[in-house]
Amino acid sequence: MLTKASDLVVSYSHISAIINDQHLTPDQKTLILKETLIDLPAERLCTAKNTLSIIKQLVEDYINENSAKEVTAKEGEVSTESTEEQLLQNDDGNTGRSGAEKTVGEETPQKPRATKRNTRRVQKS
């Protein structure tokens, strides 16, 4: 069944209700809108392609706008250590550059291998 413009208008009213809801945090709105964007029909299953593209653009703009705010908030945090140094550290803060300690256990003696025997039997005539 093809999606009509009237169906998309109903979807748009739900989307605008999510965007304007005061009880949801921006992160929650973004998660809901991402899932709603997935639920919108494909263009080939829709008779109102222009309406669909407008609604998709509005949802994507809102998602990108909130993602940009998160990125700028994270960029404001300054670390005293370099990013590479942080990536190289273990949980205890050790960078592990001193080399790995080798623990040598007792070696078990190997048994000598049995020689392979010829399994062919000579037939007596």
Protein backbone atom coordinates (compact mmCIF):
# COMPACT_ATOMS: atom_id res chain seq x y z
CA MET A 1 0.00 0.00 0.00
CA LEU A 2 1.32 3.42 -0.92
CA THR A 3 1.60 6.11 1.73
CA LYS A 4 -0.43 9.23 1.04
CA ALA A 5 0.25 12.83 2.00
CA SER A 6 -2.49 12.69 4.62
CA ASP A 7 -0.65 9.79 6.32
CA LEU A 8 2.55 11.83 6.33
CA VAL A 9 0.75 14.83 7.85
CA VAL A 10 -0.32 12.60 10.74
CA SER A 11 3.31 11.47 11.12
CA TYR A 12 4.42 15.11 11.06
CA SER A 13 2.00 16.00 13.86
CA HIS A 14 3.49 13.21 15.97
CA ILE A 15 7.02 14.38 15.17
CA SER A 16 6.25 18.00 16.07
CA ALA A 17 4.66 16.81 19.33
CA ILE A 18 7.90 15.02 20.19
CA ILE A 19 10.03 18.06 19.33
CA ASN A 20 7.86 20.43 21.40
CA ASP A 21 7.41 18.08 24.38
CA GLN A 22 8.75 19.64 27.57
CA HIS A 23 8.98 16.40 29.54
CA LEU A 24 11.60 14.81 27.28
CA THR A 25 15.28 15.67 27.36
CA PRO A 26 16.97 16.59 24.07
CA ASP A 27 18.77 13.23 24.09
CA GLN A 28 15.49 11.38 24.49
CA LYS A 29 13.92 13.42 21.70
CA THR A 30 16.86 12.62 19.44
CA LEU A 31 16.57 8.88 20.11
CA ILE A 32 12.83 8.87 19.44
CA LEU A 33 13.23 10.93 16.27
CA LYS A 34 15.95 8.62 14.95
CA GLU A 35 13.62 5.67 15.36
CA THR A 36 10.77 7.64 13.80
CA LEU A 37 12.97 8.51 10.84
CA ILE A 38 13.59 4.81 10.26
CA ASP A 39 9.84 4.14 10.35
CA LEU A 40 9.06 6.65 7.60
CA PRO A 41 8.26 4.92 4.31
CA ALA A 42 10.71 4.62 1.44
CA GLU A 43 10.21 7.05 -1.44
CA ARG A 44 9.11 4.32 -3.81
CA LEU A 45 6.30 3.40 -1.41
CA CYS A 46 5.03 6.96 -1.10
CA THR A 47 2.86 9.02 -3.45
CA ALA A 48 3.80 12.32 -1.78
CA LYS A 49 7.56 12.38 -2.29
CA ASN A 50 7.88 16.13 -1.64
CA THR A 51 6.05 15.93 1.67
CA LEU A 52 8.17 12.96 2.68
CA SER A 53 11.43 14.76 1.88
CA ILE A 54 10.32 17.83 3.86
CA ILE A 55 9.48 15.75 6.94
CA LYS A 56 12.74 13.79 6.68
CA GLN A 57 14.70 17.04 6.36
CA LEU A 58 13.03 18.53 9.45
CA VAL A 59 13.81 15.44 11.54
CA GLU A 60 17.41 15.24 10.27
CA ASP A 61 17.95 18.95 10.96
CA TYR A 62 16.74 18.56 14.54
CA ILE A 63 18.97 15.51 15.08
CA ASN A 64 22.02 17.25 13.56
CA GLU A 65 21.37 20.42 15.55
CA ASN A 66 21.35 18.53 18.85
CA SER A 67 24.35 16.42 17.83
CA ALA A 68 26.30 19.62 17.12
CA LYS A 69 25.45 20.94 20.59
CA GLU A 70 26.76 17.74 22.18
CA VAL A 71 29.99 17.91 20.21
CA THR A 72 30.67 21.53 21.18
CA ALA A 73 29.94 20.73 24.82
CA LYS A 74 32.42 17.86 24.72
CA GLU A 75 35.05 19.98 22.96
CA GLY A 76 34.91 22.46 25.85
CA GLU A 77 36.40 19.88 28.18
CA VAL A 78 40.19 20.11 28.21
CA SER A 79 42.34 17.19 29.29
CA THR A 80 45.80 17.54 30.81
CA GLU A 81 47.01 14.40 29.04
CA SER A 82 47.20 13.85 25.35
CA THR A 83 44.57 11.69 23.72
CA GLU A 84 47.18 9.21 22.57
CA GLU A 85 48.52 8.90 26.10
CA GLN A 86 45.01 8.25 27.43
CA LEU A 87 44.42 5.55 24.85
CA LEU A 88 47.65 3.79 25.74
CA GLN A 89 46.98 3.66 29.46
CA ASN A 90 45.59 0.63 31.22
CA ASP A 91 42.91 0.89 33.92
CA ASP A 92 45.59 1.42 36.58
CA GLY A 93 47.20 4.31 34.66
CA ASN A 94 50.18 2.24 33.54
CA THR A 95 51.14 2.89 29.95
CA GLY A 96 52.71 -0.54 29.65
CA ARG A 97 55.87 0.80 28.03
CA SER A 98 58.25 -0.98 30.39
CA GLY A 99 57.81 -4.23 28.51
CA ALA A 100 55.97 -7.38 29.30
CA GLU A 101 57.22 -9.57 32.09
CA LYS A 102 57.86 -13.10 31.01
CA THR A 103 56.80 -15.78 33.38
CA VAL A 104 58.61 -18.96 32.63
CA GLY A 105 57.07 -22.11 33.94
CA GLU A 106 58.59 -25.52 34.25
CA GLU A 107 58.86 -27.28 30.97
CA THR A 108 57.50 -30.78 30.86
CA PRO A 109 59.80 -33.30 29.22
CA GLN A 110 58.50 -34.62 25.95
CA LYS A 111 58.18 -38.31 25.38
CA PRO A 112 60.04 -39.72 22.43
CA ARG A 113 57.79 -40.28 19.44
CA ALA A 114 57.03 -43.76 18.34
CA THR A 115 58.28 -44.61 14.92
CA LYS A 116 55.75 -45.25 12.24
CA ARG A 117 55.46 -48.85 11.30
CA ASN A 118 54.65 -50.18 7.94
CA THR A 119 51.06 -51.34 8.15
CA ARG A 120 51.16 -53.34 4.95
CA ARG A 121 51.33 -57.04 5.40
CA VAL A 122 53.04 -59.23 2.99
CA GLN A 123 50.74 -61.91 1.67
CA LYS A 124 52.06 -65.38 1.70
CA SER A 125 51.49 -67.29 -1.46
